[in-house]
Amino acid sequence: MNARLILVIAACLVVGLMLGQFSTGHQIVVPQPAIGRYHMSVAGPNGTVNVCNTSTGECWIYQGDMQWRSLGSPALQAKAAK
């Protein structure tokens, strides 16, 4: 083989490797699930249930006494106290 043919093949390989990285270097984007409006947590030995509305910031608590109690909006109360 002459030097010119080797140089052309080497140049093609380099260009192919450079272009190949652009097409194979893309990351797959996995869509994240939407965050719900209401968040609930259960804690404690008596099964205390906390529910918060992420849209308004209002929270409710249920402690097993068969009644839901509103805690209002703790975020707004903290801002008002400052």
N, C-alpha and C. Protein backbone atom coordinates (compact mmCIF):
# COMPACT_ATOMS: atom_id res chain seq x y z
N MET A 1 0.84 -1.18 0.00
CA MET A 1 0.00 0.00 0.00
C MET A 1 0.88 1.24 0.00
N ASN A 2 0.41 2.20 -0.68
CA ASN A 2 1.23 3.41 -0.66
C ASN A 2 0.78 4.31 0.49
N ALA A 3 1.54 5.29 0.79
CA ALA A 3 1.33 6.17 1.94
C ALA A 3 0.05 6.99 1.79
N ARG A 4 -0.28 7.34 0.55
CA ARG A 4 -1.47 8.16 0.32
C ARG A 4 -2.74 7.38 0.69
N LEU A 5 -2.84 6.11 0.35
CA LEU A 5 -3.99 5.28 0.67
C LEU A 5 -4.12 5.09 2.18
N ILE A 6 -3.02 4.88 2.84
CA ILE A 6 -3.03 4.73 4.30
C ILE A 6 -3.49 6.02 4.96
N LEU A 7 -3.05 7.15 4.45
CA LEU A 7 -3.45 8.45 4.99
C LEU A 7 -4.95 8.68 4.79
N VAL A 8 -5.49 8.32 3.63
CA VAL A 8 -6.92 8.48 3.37
C VAL A 8 -7.73 7.58 4.30
N ILE A 9 -7.32 6.33 4.47
CA ILE A 9 -8.03 5.41 5.37
C ILE A 9 -7.98 5.92 6.81
N ALA A 10 -6.84 6.40 7.25
CA ALA A 10 -6.70 6.92 8.61
C ALA A 10 -7.59 8.14 8.82
N ALA A 11 -7.64 9.02 7.82
CA ALA A 11 -8.48 10.21 7.92
C ALA A 11 -9.96 9.82 7.99
N CYS A 12 -10.37 8.84 7.19
CA CYS A 12 -11.76 8.36 7.23
C CYS A 12 -12.10 7.77 8.58
N LEU A 13 -11.19 7.02 9.17
CA LEU A 13 -11.42 6.44 10.49
C LEU A 13 -11.58 7.52 11.56
N VAL A 14 -10.73 8.52 11.50
CA VAL A 14 -10.79 9.61 12.49
C VAL A 14 -12.11 10.36 12.35
N VAL A 15 -12.49 10.70 11.13
CA VAL A 15 -13.75 11.42 10.92
C VAL A 15 -14.93 10.55 11.34
N GLY A 16 -14.89 9.27 11.03
CA GLY A 16 -15.96 8.36 11.42
C GLY A 16 -16.09 8.25 12.93
N LEU A 17 -14.97 8.20 13.62
CA LEU A 17 -15.02 8.13 15.09
C LEU A 17 -15.57 9.42 15.69
N MET A 18 -15.19 10.54 15.12
CA MET A 18 -15.68 11.82 15.63
C MET A 18 -17.19 11.97 15.41
N LEU A 19 -17.66 11.60 14.24
CA LEU A 19 -19.09 11.70 13.95
C LEU A 19 -19.88 10.64 14.70
N GLY A 20 -19.31 9.50 14.91
CA GLY A 20 -20.00 8.42 15.62
C GLY A 20 -20.25 8.77 17.08
N GLN A 21 -19.39 9.56 17.68
CA GLN A 21 -19.58 9.94 19.08
C GLN A 21 -20.78 10.85 19.25
N PHE A 22 -21.07 11.67 18.27
CA PHE A 22 -22.23 12.55 18.38
C PHE A 22 -23.53 11.76 18.37
N SER A 23 -23.58 10.73 17.57
CA SER A 23 -24.83 9.98 17.48
C SER A 23 -25.00 8.98 18.62
N THR A 24 -23.91 8.46 19.17
CA THR A 24 -24.03 7.48 20.24
C THR A 24 -23.85 8.09 21.62
N GLY A 25 -23.50 9.37 21.68
CA GLY A 25 -23.27 10.01 22.97
C GLY A 25 -24.51 10.58 23.60
N HIS A 26 -25.66 10.48 22.94
CA HIS A 26 -26.89 11.04 23.50
C HIS A 26 -27.36 10.20 24.67
N GLN A 27 -27.78 10.89 25.72
CA GLN A 27 -28.33 10.18 26.87
C GLN A 27 -29.83 10.01 26.69
N ILE A 28 -30.34 8.91 27.17
CA ILE A 28 -31.76 8.66 27.11
C ILE A 28 -32.43 9.42 28.26
N VAL A 29 -33.40 10.23 27.92
CA VAL A 29 -34.10 11.02 28.93
C VAL A 29 -35.37 10.28 29.32
N VAL A 30 -35.45 9.95 30.59
CA VAL A 30 -36.62 9.24 31.11
C VAL A 30 -37.54 10.28 31.75
N PRO A 31 -38.78 10.38 31.29
CA PRO A 31 -39.68 11.37 31.88
C PRO A 31 -39.97 11.04 33.34
N GLN A 32 -39.95 12.07 34.17
CA GLN A 32 -40.23 11.90 35.59
C GLN A 32 -41.73 11.97 35.82
N PRO A 33 -42.24 11.18 36.76
CA PRO A 33 -43.67 11.25 37.04
C PRO A 33 -44.04 12.60 37.63
N ALA A 34 -45.22 13.05 37.31
CA ALA A 34 -45.70 14.33 37.84
C ALA A 34 -45.89 14.23 39.35
N ILE A 35 -45.57 15.30 40.03
CA ILE A 35 -45.74 15.34 41.48
C ILE A 35 -47.21 15.63 41.77
N GLY A 36 -47.80 14.84 42.64
CA GLY A 36 -49.20 15.01 42.97
C GLY A 36 -49.46 16.24 43.80
N ARG A 37 -50.71 16.65 43.81
CA ARG A 37 -51.08 17.84 44.56
C ARG A 37 -51.09 17.58 46.06
N TYR A 38 -51.47 16.38 46.45
CA TYR A 38 -51.57 16.04 47.88
C TYR A 38 -50.47 15.06 48.25
N HIS A 39 -49.81 15.34 49.38
CA HIS A 39 -48.79 14.43 49.90
C HIS A 39 -49.27 13.92 51.24
N MET A 40 -49.10 12.62 51.45
CA MET A 40 -49.58 11.99 52.67
C MET A 40 -48.45 11.24 53.34
N SER A 41 -48.39 11.31 54.66
CA SER A 41 -47.43 10.52 55.41
C SER A 41 -48.13 9.94 56.63
N VAL A 42 -47.70 8.75 57.01
CA VAL A 42 -48.25 8.07 58.18
C VAL A 42 -47.10 7.81 59.13
N ALA A 43 -47.26 8.19 60.39
CA ALA A 43 -46.17 8.04 61.34
C ALA A 43 -46.71 7.77 62.74
N GLY A 44 -45.83 7.32 63.59
CA GLY A 44 -46.16 7.13 65.00
C GLY A 44 -46.86 5.82 65.28
N PRO A 45 -46.89 5.43 66.56
CA PRO A 45 -47.51 4.16 66.94
C PRO A 45 -49.03 4.16 66.77
N ASN A 46 -49.65 5.33 66.84
CA ASN A 46 -51.11 5.38 66.70
C ASN A 46 -51.55 5.64 65.26
N GLY A 47 -50.62 5.68 64.33
CA GLY A 47 -50.95 5.85 62.92
C GLY A 47 -51.39 7.25 62.55
N THR A 48 -50.70 8.25 63.05
CA THR A 48 -51.01 9.63 62.71
C THR A 48 -50.85 9.84 61.20
N VAL A 49 -51.86 10.44 60.58
CA VAL A 49 -51.83 10.69 59.14
C VAL A 49 -51.74 12.19 58.91
N ASN A 50 -50.76 12.59 58.13
CA ASN A 50 -50.60 13.99 57.74
C ASN A 50 -50.85 14.11 56.25
N VAL A 51 -51.67 15.07 55.85
CA VAL A 51 -51.94 15.32 54.43
C VAL A 51 -51.68 16.80 54.18
N CYS A 52 -50.89 17.08 53.14
CA CYS A 52 -50.60 18.46 52.77
C CYS A 52 -50.97 18.71 51.32
N ASN A 53 -51.59 19.85 51.07
CA ASN A 53 -51.94 20.29 49.74
C ASN A 53 -50.78 21.13 49.23
N THR A 54 -50.06 20.64 48.23
CA THR A 54 -48.87 21.35 47.76
C THR A 54 -49.22 22.59 46.96
N SER A 55 -50.47 22.73 46.54
CA SER A 55 -50.88 23.90 45.78
C SER A 55 -51.15 25.09 46.70
N THR A 56 -51.84 24.85 47.81
CA THR A 56 -52.19 25.94 48.73
C THR A 56 -51.31 25.97 49.97
N GLY A 57 -50.64 24.86 50.28
CA GLY A 57 -49.81 24.79 51.47
C GLY A 57 -50.58 24.38 52.71
N GLU A 58 -51.88 24.14 52.58
CA GLU A 58 -52.68 23.77 53.74
C GLU A 58 -52.43 22.31 54.13
N CYS A 59 -52.42 22.04 55.44
CA CYS A 59 -52.17 20.69 55.95
C CYS A 59 -53.27 20.27 56.90
N TRP A 60 -53.52 18.96 56.94
CA TRP A 60 -54.49 18.37 57.85
C TRP A 60 -53.83 17.21 58.57
N ILE A 61 -54.34 16.90 59.77
CA ILE A 61 -53.80 15.80 60.57
C ILE A 61 -54.96 14.94 61.08
N TYR A 62 -54.73 13.64 61.11
CA TYR A 62 -55.71 12.68 61.63
C TYR A 62 -54.96 11.81 62.62
N GLN A 63 -55.38 11.82 63.90
CA GLN A 63 -54.65 11.10 64.93
C GLN A 63 -55.43 9.92 65.50
N GLY A 64 -56.43 9.44 64.83
CA GLY A 64 -57.15 8.28 65.31
C GLY A 64 -58.36 8.61 66.17
N ASP A 65 -58.64 9.88 66.40
CA ASP A 65 -59.81 10.27 67.18
C ASP A 65 -61.03 10.49 66.28
N MET A 66 -60.96 9.96 65.06
CA MET A 66 -62.04 10.01 64.09
C MET A 66 -62.37 11.42 63.61
N GLN A 67 -61.42 12.34 63.72
CA GLN A 67 -61.63 13.71 63.24
C GLN A 67 -60.37 14.20 62.54
N TRP A 68 -60.58 14.86 61.42
CA TRP A 68 -59.48 15.53 60.74
C TRP A 68 -59.40 16.95 61.29
N ARG A 69 -58.19 17.41 61.54
CA ARG A 69 -57.99 18.78 62.02
C ARG A 69 -57.10 19.53 61.03
N SER A 70 -57.50 20.73 60.73
CA SER A 70 -56.72 21.56 59.81
C SER A 70 -55.60 22.24 60.58
N LEU A 71 -54.42 22.19 60.04
CA LEU A 71 -53.28 22.91 60.62
C LEU A 71 -53.08 24.25 59.93
N GLY A 72 -53.97 24.56 59.01
CA GLY A 72 -53.81 25.79 58.24
C GLY A 72 -52.67 25.63 57.26
N SER A 73 -51.99 26.69 57.01
CA SER A 73 -50.84 26.67 56.11
C SER A 73 -49.59 27.03 56.92
N PRO A 74 -48.80 26.03 57.37
CA PRO A 74 -47.62 26.32 58.17
C PRO A 74 -46.64 27.27 57.47
N ALA A 75 -46.54 27.18 56.15
CA ALA A 75 -45.63 28.06 55.43
C ALA A 75 -46.08 29.52 55.52
N LEU A 76 -47.37 29.75 55.34
CA LEU A 76 -47.88 31.11 55.42
C LEU A 76 -47.82 31.65 56.85
N GLN A 77 -48.05 30.78 57.84
CA GLN A 77 -47.98 31.20 59.23
C GLN A 77 -46.55 31.59 59.61
N ALA A 78 -45.56 30.86 59.09
CA ALA A 78 -44.16 31.18 59.37
C ALA A 78 -43.79 32.51 58.75
N LYS A 79 -44.30 32.79 57.55
CA LYS A 79 -44.01 34.08 56.90
C LYS A 79 -44.66 35.22 57.67
N ALA A 80 -45.88 35.00 58.16
CA ALA A 80 -46.60 36.04 58.90
C ALA A 80 -45.92 36.34 60.24
N ALA A 81 -45.28 35.34 60.83
CA ALA A 81 -44.64 35.52 62.13
C ALA A 81 -43.35 36.34 62.02
N LYS A 82 -42.77 36.39 60.85
CA LYS A 82 -41.49 37.11 60.70
C LYS A 82 -41.67 38.57 60.66
